[in-house]
Amino acid sequence: MQGGDLGTWEQPSLIVVLEGVLCSPSWKGRLTHRLVEPEQWGWSVTSLRAIHRYTYGSVPVEVITFLGTEVADHAAAWMSRYDIEVAGVEAMDLDHFARSLAWRHNQVDRVIDSEADRLARFGQKGYQTVHGGEF
């Protein structure tokens, strides 16, 4: 309840694109094509501090990746290991995610990314930053 209304109230969340803002997941080997350890992904301290600032202010931050569930699982484990509090880390299909923003208008405040092609698909929800930048 907020402002006298009887409906439920939820604060819109921020969504951060993992590979666009936080780090650069990479693979090794041509034949085996294995994901390198998350410690070697080049995490951005500036972007991680921004997440901490938002979560400290009670703004939920979700992290998504378009690189698959293996990347999401590794990133979630790494964030948990280093106490980076996020609402969740999820792998999504870019097309489905972009379409879903049309009906998630009250749930999502901004989608933070650095890639112009993806940002164009997010519409007014898209918020541009540089890779590893502040938001």
Protein backbone atom coordinates (compact mmCIF):
# COMPACT_ATOMS: atom_id res chain seq x y z
CA MET A 1 0.00 0.00 0.00
CA GLN A 2 1.29 3.41 -0.92
CA GLY A 3 -0.32 6.83 -0.96
CA GLY A 4 -3.67 5.54 0.32
CA ASP A 5 -4.31 3.06 -2.48
CA LEU A 6 -5.33 -0.47 -1.59
CA GLY A 7 -3.44 -2.25 -4.37
CA THR A 8 -0.09 -3.85 -3.98
CA TRP A 9 2.92 -1.75 -4.78
CA GLU A 10 6.19 -2.93 -6.20
CA GLN A 11 9.24 -0.87 -6.93
CA PRO A 12 10.33 -1.33 -10.53
CA SER A 13 13.62 -3.13 -10.93
CA LEU A 14 16.68 -2.43 -13.01
CA ILE A 15 17.90 -5.04 -15.45
CA VAL A 16 21.60 -5.12 -16.29
CA VAL A 17 22.92 -7.04 -19.30
CA LEU A 18 25.87 -9.09 -18.05
CA GLU A 19 27.97 -9.13 -21.23
CA GLY A 20 27.09 -5.55 -22.08
CA VAL A 21 27.99 -3.92 -18.80
CA LEU A 22 29.48 -6.12 -16.08
CA CYS A 23 32.07 -8.37 -17.70
CA SER A 24 33.22 -10.21 -20.82
CA PRO A 25 32.55 -13.96 -20.58
CA SER A 26 34.84 -15.91 -22.87
CA TRP A 27 35.49 -19.44 -24.07
CA LYS A 28 38.69 -21.35 -24.75
CA GLY A 29 39.47 -24.10 -27.19
CA ARG A 30 38.18 -24.51 -30.69
CA LEU A 31 37.17 -28.14 -30.35
CA THR A 32 36.10 -28.27 -26.71
CA HIS A 33 34.75 -24.70 -26.56
CA ARG A 34 34.76 -24.51 -22.76
CA LEU A 35 33.80 -21.45 -20.78
CA VAL A 36 36.76 -19.95 -18.90
CA GLU A 37 36.42 -19.45 -15.15
CA PRO A 38 34.38 -16.39 -14.10
CA GLU A 39 37.39 -14.96 -12.27
CA GLN A 40 38.95 -14.39 -15.71
CA TRP A 41 35.97 -12.56 -17.22
CA GLY A 42 37.28 -9.06 -16.49
CA TRP A 43 34.59 -7.88 -14.08
CA SER A 44 34.06 -4.12 -13.83
CA VAL A 45 34.46 -2.82 -10.31
CA THR A 46 32.65 0.39 -11.28
CA SER A 47 29.55 -1.46 -12.50
CA LEU A 48 29.56 -3.81 -9.50
CA ARG A 49 29.68 -0.79 -7.18
CA ALA A 50 26.68 0.68 -9.02
CA ILE A 51 24.75 -2.54 -8.35
CA HIS A 52 25.69 -2.32 -4.68
CA ARG A 53 24.55 1.30 -4.55
CA TYR A 54 21.13 0.44 -6.01
CA THR A 55 20.57 -2.64 -3.85
CA TYR A 56 21.63 -0.67 -0.75
CA GLY A 57 18.87 1.79 -1.68
CA SER A 58 16.38 -1.12 -1.91
CA VAL A 59 16.17 -1.07 -5.71
CA PRO A 60 16.14 -4.65 -7.02
CA VAL A 61 18.71 -5.33 -9.72
CA GLU A 62 18.34 -8.29 -12.06
CA VAL A 63 21.16 -9.50 -14.28
CA ILE A 64 20.42 -11.13 -17.63
CA THR A 65 22.59 -12.67 -20.28
CA PHE A 66 21.90 -13.58 -23.86
CA LEU A 67 24.82 -16.06 -23.96
CA GLY A 68 23.04 -19.07 -22.46
CA THR A 69 22.34 -20.81 -19.18
CA GLU A 70 25.93 -21.93 -18.62
CA VAL A 71 27.07 -18.28 -18.52
CA ALA A 72 24.16 -17.36 -16.23
CA ASP A 73 24.93 -20.21 -13.83
CA HIS A 74 28.63 -19.33 -13.65
CA ALA A 75 27.88 -15.63 -13.15
CA ALA A 76 25.32 -16.36 -10.40
CA ALA A 77 27.80 -18.58 -8.56
CA TRP A 78 30.53 -15.94 -8.85
CA MET A 79 28.24 -13.17 -7.58
CA SER A 80 27.08 -15.34 -4.69
CA ARG A 81 30.69 -16.19 -3.78
CA TYR A 82 31.62 -12.50 -3.59
CA ASP A 83 28.37 -11.30 -1.90
CA ILE A 84 27.07 -9.24 -4.80
CA GLU A 85 23.38 -9.04 -4.05
CA VAL A 86 21.19 -9.23 -7.12
CA ALA A 87 17.57 -10.31 -7.46
CA GLY A 88 18.63 -13.00 -9.92
CA VAL A 89 20.83 -13.96 -12.85
CA GLU A 90 18.97 -15.39 -15.80
CA ALA A 91 19.67 -16.43 -19.38
CA MET A 92 17.11 -15.08 -21.83
CA ASP A 93 16.41 -15.17 -25.54
CA LEU A 94 16.92 -11.64 -26.90
CA ASP A 95 13.80 -11.64 -29.08
CA HIS A 96 11.52 -12.90 -26.31
CA PHE A 97 13.02 -10.51 -23.76
CA ALA A 98 12.60 -7.48 -26.04
CA ARG A 99 8.96 -8.38 -26.71
CA SER A 100 8.28 -8.98 -23.01
CA LEU A 101 9.15 -5.39 -22.15
CA ALA A 102 5.84 -4.31 -23.71
CA TRP A 103 3.84 -5.97 -20.92
CA ARG A 104 6.36 -5.52 -18.12
CA HIS A 105 6.04 -1.73 -18.08
CA ASN A 106 5.27 -1.55 -14.34
CA GLN A 107 7.94 -4.08 -13.36
CA VAL A 108 11.00 -2.83 -15.24
CA ASP A 109 12.29 0.70 -14.89
CA ARG A 110 15.41 0.43 -17.09
CA VAL A 111 17.41 -2.10 -19.06
CA ILE A 112 21.07 -1.12 -18.86
CA ASP A 113 23.29 -2.17 -21.76
CA SER A 114 26.18 -0.90 -23.87
CA GLU A 115 25.37 -2.45 -27.25
CA ALA A 116 23.45 -0.09 -29.54
CA ASP A 117 21.70 -2.84 -31.53
CA ARG A 118 20.16 -4.36 -28.41
CA LEU A 119 19.32 -0.97 -26.92
CA ALA A 120 17.28 -0.09 -29.99
CA ARG A 121 15.12 -3.16 -29.33
CA PHE A 122 14.49 -2.20 -25.70
CA GLY A 123 12.71 1.02 -26.67
CA GLN A 124 12.25 3.64 -23.97
CA LYS A 125 13.35 1.17 -21.30
CA GLY A 126 16.87 1.05 -22.75
CA TYR A 127 19.56 2.98 -20.89
CA GLN A 128 22.96 3.22 -22.51
CA THR A 129 26.23 3.04 -20.68
CA VAL A 130 29.70 1.98 -21.72
CA HIS A 131 31.03 -1.50 -21.06
CA GLY A 132 32.15 -1.44 -17.44
CA GLY A 133 30.64 1.98 -16.85
CA GLU A 134 28.51 3.69 -14.26
CA PHE A 135 24.74 3.64 -14.41
